[in-house]
């Protein structure tokens, strides 16, 4: 049997697609974790010396900033996944 059968090529493409997908998810979740837990909790005391909208920056990240960043990450995920799906010919 030939090593370049369509099944093996498809399997390689599927593996590459899922590797890119998981890498993207892990990266975005790490960014969200750094912003929500890091900026809102761990580095709050340092960030509180800066102000945004009349509130200390650490407090702002804990209350609103991590939510805004999460929403921005969702939009980025949608755009990036469309690019990945086009790359692997999986788009609608």
Foldseek 3Di string as FASTA:
>chain_A
DDPPDPVVVVVVLVVVLVVVLVVLVVVLVVVLCCQACVLQPVCLVVQQVDDDPRGRRNPCSNPPVSVVSVVVSVVVSVVVNQVSCVVSVNDD
